[in-house]
């Protein structure tokens, strides 16, 4: 999916996510339903690590199609280890 920018003469700019190469020259404004023309701007490119890029992809997918759970996951008990300094305390 690519993000395309459109400009409505009444309402201003808005973004639309469409498949790459399918953006029409004019698109209906989501506020007033008037014809908005497509505008071109510089792409939002940045250099990120693979881990950060993967997190962005997961976040976008969760925003548009969140995973639905049928029940609360079981609570896992984390074993607690005593602090090492406790073994040096005097015993009564």
N, C-alpha and C. Protein backbone atom coordinates (compact mmCIF):
# COMPACT_ATOMS: atom_id res chain seq x y z
N UNK A 1 0.84 -1.17 0.00
CA UNK A 1 0.00 0.00 0.00
C UNK A 1 0.89 1.24 0.00
N UNK A 2 0.48 2.22 -0.77
CA UNK A 2 1.20 3.48 -0.82
C UNK A 2 0.27 4.58 -0.33
N UNK A 3 0.86 5.63 0.20
CA UNK A 3 0.08 6.77 0.68
C UNK A 3 0.14 7.87 -0.36
N UNK A 4 -1.03 8.30 -0.83
CA UNK A 4 -1.14 9.36 -1.82
C UNK A 4 -1.76 10.58 -1.17
N UNK A 5 -1.29 11.74 -1.57
CA UNK A 5 -1.77 12.99 -0.99
C UNK A 5 -2.70 13.70 -1.99
N UNK A 6 -3.83 14.15 -1.49
CA UNK A 6 -4.80 14.88 -2.30
C UNK A 6 -5.10 16.21 -1.63
N UNK A 7 -5.53 17.18 -2.44
CA UNK A 7 -5.83 18.52 -1.94
C UNK A 7 -7.23 18.92 -2.37
N UNK A 8 -8.10 19.12 -1.39
CA UNK A 8 -9.46 19.58 -1.64
C UNK A 8 -9.45 21.11 -1.57
N UNK A 9 -10.11 21.75 -2.51
CA UNK A 9 -10.12 23.22 -2.52
C UNK A 9 -10.88 23.79 -1.32
N UNK A 10 -11.80 23.04 -0.75
CA UNK A 10 -12.57 23.53 0.41
C UNK A 10 -12.00 23.07 1.75
N UNK A 11 -11.59 21.81 1.84
CA UNK A 11 -11.23 21.22 3.13
C UNK A 11 -9.73 21.12 3.38
N UNK A 12 -8.92 21.18 2.36
CA UNK A 12 -7.48 21.09 2.54
C UNK A 12 -6.93 19.72 2.16
N UNK A 13 -5.71 19.44 2.62
CA UNK A 13 -5.01 18.22 2.23
C UNK A 13 -5.45 17.02 3.07
N UNK A 14 -5.41 15.84 2.45
CA UNK A 14 -5.67 14.58 3.15
C UNK A 14 -4.91 13.47 2.43
N UNK A 15 -4.67 12.39 3.13
CA UNK A 15 -3.94 11.24 2.59
C UNK A 15 -4.87 10.07 2.37
N UNK A 16 -4.54 9.28 1.34
CA UNK A 16 -5.31 8.09 1.02
C UNK A 16 -4.33 6.95 0.78
N UNK A 17 -4.58 5.78 1.37
CA UNK A 17 -3.74 4.60 1.13
C UNK A 17 -4.40 3.75 0.05
N UNK A 18 -3.67 3.56 -1.04
CA UNK A 18 -4.14 2.77 -2.17
C UNK A 18 -3.01 1.86 -2.63
N UNK A 19 -3.34 0.88 -3.46
CA UNK A 19 -2.32 0.02 -4.03
C UNK A 19 -1.42 0.86 -4.93
N UNK A 20 -0.17 0.46 -5.02
CA UNK A 20 0.79 1.22 -5.81
C UNK A 20 0.35 1.25 -7.27
N UNK A 21 0.34 2.44 -7.85
CA UNK A 21 0.00 2.62 -9.25
C UNK A 21 -1.49 2.73 -9.53
N UNK A 22 -2.34 2.73 -8.52
CA UNK A 22 -3.78 2.78 -8.76
C UNK A 22 -4.41 4.12 -8.38
N UNK A 23 -3.59 5.12 -8.03
CA UNK A 23 -4.13 6.40 -7.58
C UNK A 23 -4.67 7.21 -8.75
N UNK A 24 -5.94 7.61 -8.69
CA UNK A 24 -6.49 8.44 -9.76
C UNK A 24 -6.06 9.89 -9.62
N UNK A 25 -6.22 10.68 -10.68
CA UNK A 25 -5.87 12.11 -10.63
C UNK A 25 -6.75 12.87 -9.65
N UNK A 26 -8.02 12.48 -9.56
CA UNK A 26 -8.96 13.12 -8.63
C UNK A 26 -9.55 12.04 -7.73
N UNK A 27 -9.83 12.44 -6.49
CA UNK A 27 -10.37 11.51 -5.50
C UNK A 27 -11.41 12.26 -4.69
N UNK A 28 -12.43 11.58 -4.24
CA UNK A 28 -13.49 12.22 -3.45
C UNK A 28 -13.02 12.60 -2.06
N UNK A 29 -13.27 13.83 -1.67
CA UNK A 29 -12.89 14.31 -0.35
C UNK A 29 -13.72 13.58 0.71
N UNK A 30 -13.09 13.07 1.78
CA UNK A 30 -13.84 12.34 2.80
C UNK A 30 -14.75 13.25 3.64
N UNK A 31 -14.53 14.58 3.60
CA UNK A 31 -15.34 15.50 4.40
C UNK A 31 -16.53 16.02 3.61
N UNK A 32 -16.23 16.61 2.43
CA UNK A 32 -17.31 17.27 1.66
C UNK A 32 -17.72 16.50 0.41
N UNK A 33 -17.04 15.39 0.10
CA UNK A 33 -17.32 14.55 -1.06
C UNK A 33 -17.06 15.26 -2.38
N UNK A 34 -16.39 16.40 -2.37
CA UNK A 34 -16.01 17.10 -3.60
C UNK A 34 -14.77 16.47 -4.21
N UNK A 35 -14.50 16.84 -5.46
CA UNK A 35 -13.33 16.30 -6.15
C UNK A 35 -12.06 16.98 -5.64
N UNK A 36 -11.10 16.17 -5.24
CA UNK A 36 -9.81 16.69 -4.76
C UNK A 36 -8.74 16.23 -5.73
N UNK A 37 -7.82 17.13 -6.08
CA UNK A 37 -6.77 16.77 -7.03
C UNK A 37 -5.57 16.19 -6.30
N UNK A 38 -4.87 15.31 -7.00
CA UNK A 38 -3.69 14.68 -6.42
C UNK A 38 -2.53 15.66 -6.46
N UNK A 39 -1.78 15.73 -5.36
CA UNK A 39 -0.60 16.58 -5.30
C UNK A 39 0.61 15.70 -5.04
N UNK A 40 1.75 16.19 -5.49
CA UNK A 40 3.00 15.45 -5.35
C UNK A 40 3.89 16.16 -4.35
N UNK A 41 4.44 15.39 -3.44
CA UNK A 41 5.35 15.94 -2.45
C UNK A 41 6.54 15.00 -2.32
N UNK A 42 7.55 15.43 -1.58
CA UNK A 42 8.73 14.58 -1.42
C UNK A 42 8.37 13.37 -0.58
N UNK A 43 8.94 12.21 -0.89
CA UNK A 43 8.63 11.01 -0.12
C UNK A 43 9.23 11.08 1.26
N UNK A 44 8.58 10.43 2.19
CA UNK A 44 9.07 10.38 3.56
C UNK A 44 10.02 9.22 3.75
N UNK A 45 11.25 9.38 3.30
CA UNK A 45 12.24 8.31 3.41
C UNK A 45 13.16 8.57 4.58
N UNK A 46 13.52 7.52 5.26
CA UNK A 46 14.48 7.63 6.34
C UNK A 46 15.22 6.31 6.46
N UNK A 47 16.42 6.37 6.97
CA UNK A 47 17.21 5.16 7.16
C UNK A 47 16.97 4.65 8.57
N UNK A 48 16.44 3.45 8.66
CA UNK A 48 16.19 2.85 9.96
C UNK A 48 16.76 1.43 9.96
N UNK A 49 16.94 0.91 11.12
CA UNK A 49 17.42 -0.47 11.23
C UNK A 49 16.30 -1.43 10.85
N UNK A 50 16.68 -2.67 10.56
CA UNK A 50 15.69 -3.67 10.20
C UNK A 50 14.70 -3.92 11.34
N UNK A 51 15.19 -3.88 12.57
CA UNK A 51 14.30 -4.12 13.72
C UNK A 51 13.26 -3.02 13.84
N UNK A 52 13.67 -1.77 13.67
CA UNK A 52 12.73 -0.65 13.76
C UNK A 52 11.74 -0.70 12.60
N UNK A 53 12.22 -1.02 11.40
CA UNK A 53 11.33 -1.12 10.25
C UNK A 53 10.30 -2.22 10.46
N UNK A 54 10.71 -3.35 11.03
CA UNK A 54 9.77 -4.44 11.30
C UNK A 54 8.73 -4.03 12.33
N UNK A 55 9.14 -3.26 13.34
CA UNK A 55 8.18 -2.78 14.32
C UNK A 55 7.17 -1.83 13.70
N UNK A 56 7.62 -0.97 12.79
CA UNK A 56 6.69 -0.07 12.10
C UNK A 56 5.68 -0.84 11.27
N UNK A 57 6.14 -1.88 10.59
CA UNK A 57 5.23 -2.70 9.78
C UNK A 57 4.19 -3.38 10.67
N UNK A 58 4.64 -3.97 11.80
CA UNK A 58 3.70 -4.62 12.72
C UNK A 58 2.69 -3.62 13.29
N UNK A 59 3.16 -2.41 13.60
CA UNK A 59 2.27 -1.40 14.16
C UNK A 59 1.22 -0.97 13.14
N UNK A 60 1.63 -0.81 11.87
CA UNK A 60 0.66 -0.44 10.83
C UNK A 60 -0.35 -1.55 10.61
N UNK A 61 0.11 -2.80 10.59
CA UNK A 61 -0.81 -3.92 10.41
C UNK A 61 -1.79 -4.02 11.56
N UNK A 62 -1.32 -3.79 12.78
CA UNK A 62 -2.20 -3.86 13.95
C UNK A 62 -3.21 -2.73 13.94
N UNK A 63 -2.84 -1.59 13.38
CA UNK A 63 -3.75 -0.45 13.33
C UNK A 63 -4.89 -0.71 12.34
N UNK A 64 -4.56 -1.31 11.19
CA UNK A 64 -5.57 -1.50 10.15
C UNK A 64 -6.34 -2.81 10.30
N UNK A 65 -5.70 -3.84 10.82
CA UNK A 65 -6.36 -5.13 11.01
C UNK A 65 -5.86 -5.74 12.31
N UNK A 66 -6.38 -5.29 13.45
CA UNK A 66 -5.86 -5.80 14.72
C UNK A 66 -6.18 -7.28 14.92
N UNK A 67 -5.29 -7.95 15.61
CA UNK A 67 -5.50 -9.36 15.92
C UNK A 67 -6.61 -9.47 16.96
N UNK A 68 -7.51 -10.40 16.75
CA UNK A 68 -8.64 -10.59 17.66
C UNK A 68 -8.37 -11.84 18.48
N UNK A 69 -8.50 -11.72 19.78
CA UNK A 69 -8.30 -12.87 20.66
C UNK A 69 -9.65 -13.33 21.19
N UNK A 70 -9.75 -14.64 21.42
CA UNK A 70 -11.02 -15.19 21.91
C UNK A 70 -11.06 -15.29 23.43
N UNK A 71 -9.88 -15.27 24.07
CA UNK A 71 -9.85 -15.34 25.54
C UNK A 71 -8.56 -14.68 26.03
N UNK A 72 -8.53 -14.40 27.29
CA UNK A 72 -7.35 -13.81 27.90
C UNK A 72 -6.27 -14.87 27.99
N UNK A 73 -5.03 -14.54 27.59
CA UNK A 73 -3.98 -15.56 27.68
C UNK A 73 -3.69 -15.94 29.12
N UNK A 74 -3.26 -17.19 29.36
CA UNK A 74 -2.98 -17.62 30.74
C UNK A 74 -1.82 -16.82 31.31
N UNK A 75 -1.90 -16.61 32.60
CA UNK A 75 -0.86 -15.83 33.28
C UNK A 75 0.32 -16.73 33.59
N UNK A 76 1.49 -16.31 33.14
CA UNK A 76 2.69 -17.10 33.38
C UNK A 76 3.34 -16.65 34.68
N UNK A 77 3.71 -17.62 35.49
CA UNK A 77 4.39 -17.31 36.75
C UNK A 77 5.88 -17.22 36.47
N UNK A 78 6.48 -16.13 36.83
CA UNK A 78 7.91 -15.95 36.66
C UNK A 78 8.58 -16.38 37.96
N UNK A 79 9.52 -17.35 37.87
CA UNK A 79 10.18 -17.78 39.11
C UNK A 79 11.01 -16.63 39.69
N UNK A 80 10.83 -16.43 40.97
CA UNK A 80 11.56 -15.35 41.65
C UNK A 80 12.77 -15.95 42.35
N UNK A 81 13.92 -15.42 42.04
CA UNK A 81 15.15 -15.86 42.68
C UNK A 81 15.48 -14.87 43.78
N UNK A 82 15.86 -15.37 44.95
CA UNK A 82 16.19 -14.45 46.04
C UNK A 82 17.43 -13.63 45.68
N UNK A 83 17.50 -12.47 46.24
CA UNK A 83 18.64 -11.60 46.02
C UNK A 83 19.89 -12.26 46.61
N UNK A 84 21.04 -12.22 45.91
CA UNK A 84 22.24 -12.89 46.41
C UNK A 84 22.72 -12.36 47.76
N UNK A 85 22.45 -11.11 48.07
CA UNK A 85 22.90 -10.56 49.36
C UNK A 85 22.15 -11.18 50.53
N UNK A 86 20.97 -11.74 50.31
CA UNK A 86 20.20 -12.34 51.40
C UNK A 86 20.89 -13.57 51.98
N UNK A 87 21.70 -14.26 51.20
CA UNK A 87 22.37 -15.46 51.71
C UNK A 87 23.48 -15.10 52.70
N UNK A 88 23.95 -13.89 52.70
CA UNK A 88 25.02 -13.47 53.61
C UNK A 88 24.49 -12.88 54.92
N UNK A 89 23.20 -12.75 55.06
CA UNK A 89 22.62 -12.21 56.29
C UNK A 89 22.71 -13.25 57.40
N UNK A 90 22.84 -12.82 58.63
CA UNK A 90 22.91 -13.78 59.74
C UNK A 90 21.55 -14.45 59.96
N UNK A 91 21.62 -15.69 60.31
CA UNK A 91 20.39 -16.47 60.56
C UNK A 91 20.12 -16.49 62.06
N UNK A 92 18.88 -16.37 62.46
CA UNK A 92 18.52 -16.38 63.88
C UNK A 92 17.87 -17.67 64.28
